[in-house]
Amino acid sequence: MKILVFCAKGFETMEFSAFIDVFGWARNDYGYPVQTETCG
């Protein structure tokens, strides 16, 4: 599964890091093949 995260102009890393963390947990803890890409 590939997920694209859109980042608005002037975003801060802490604003979207929670979502990226959850996707990382899905990959590491549960074995789901999740890839995240950011776009801004």
C-alpha atoms as a PDB file:
ATOM      1  CA  MET A   1       0.000   0.000   0.000  1.00  0.00           C
ATOM      2  CA  LYS A   2       1.328   3.420  -0.903  1.00  0.00           C
ATOM      3  CA  ILE A   3       0.059   6.563   0.823  1.00  0.00           C
ATOM      4  CA  LEU A   4       0.589  10.106  -0.432  1.00  0.00           C
ATOM      5  CA  VAL A   5       0.566  12.847   2.226  1.00  0.00           C
ATOM      6  CA  PHE A   6      -0.074  16.351   0.899  1.00  0.00           C
ATOM      7  CA  CYS A   7       1.677  19.106   2.861  1.00  0.00           C
ATOM      8  CA  ALA A   8       0.446  22.675   2.553  1.00  0.00           C
ATOM      9  CA  LYS A   9       2.862  25.546   2.089  1.00  0.00           C
ATOM     10  CA  GLY A  10       4.331  26.535   5.450  1.00  0.00           C
ATOM     11  CA  PHE A  11       3.557  23.232   7.176  1.00  0.00           C
ATOM     12  CA  GLU A  12       5.474  22.114  10.242  1.00  0.00           C
ATOM     13  CA  THR A  13       6.863  18.618  10.630  1.00  0.00           C
ATOM     14  CA  MET A  14       5.001  18.013  13.896  1.00  0.00           C
ATOM     15  CA  GLU A  15       1.667  18.605  12.147  1.00  0.00           C
ATOM     16  CA  PHE A  16       1.858  15.438  10.074  1.00  0.00           C
ATOM     17  CA  SER A  17       4.391  13.305  11.966  1.00  0.00           C
ATOM     18  CA  ALA A  18       1.622  11.527  13.907  1.00  0.00           C
ATOM     19  CA  PHE A  19       0.165  10.145  10.660  1.00  0.00           C
ATOM     20  CA  ILE A  20       3.564   9.015   9.420  1.00  0.00           C
ATOM     21  CA  ASP A  21       4.178   7.317  12.794  1.00  0.00           C
ATOM     22  CA  VAL A  22       0.943   5.336  12.588  1.00  0.00           C
ATOM     23  CA  PHE A  23       1.802   4.123   9.084  1.00  0.00           C
ATOM     24  CA  GLY A  24       5.250   3.102  10.334  1.00  0.00           C
ATOM     25  CA  TRP A  25       3.684   1.098  13.168  1.00  0.00           C
ATOM     26  CA  ALA A  26       1.490  -0.723  10.665  1.00  0.00           C
ATOM     27  CA  ARG A  27       4.603  -1.713   8.733  1.00  0.00           C
ATOM     28  CA  ASN A  28       6.843  -2.648  11.680  1.00  0.00           C
ATOM     29  CA  ASP A  29       4.381  -4.100  14.168  1.00  0.00           C
ATOM     30  CA  TYR A  30       1.791  -5.745  11.922  1.00  0.00           C
ATOM     31  CA  GLY A  31       3.687  -6.489   8.711  1.00  0.00           C
ATOM     32  CA  TYR A  32       1.589  -4.366   6.346  1.00  0.00           C
ATOM     33  CA  PRO A  33       3.654  -3.136   3.387  1.00  0.00           C
ATOM     34  CA  VAL A  34       2.977   0.594   3.770  1.00  0.00           C
ATOM     35  CA  GLN A  35       5.044   3.185   1.912  1.00  0.00           C
ATOM     36  CA  THR A  36       4.559   6.887   2.552  1.00  0.00           C
ATOM     37  CA  GLU A  37       5.436   9.722   0.213  1.00  0.00           C
ATOM     38  CA  THR A  38       5.131  13.421   0.975  1.00  0.00           C
ATOM     39  CA  CYS A  39       4.243  16.115  -1.505  1.00  0.00           C
ATOM     40  CA  GLY A  40       4.129  19.838  -0.941  1.00  0.00           C
END
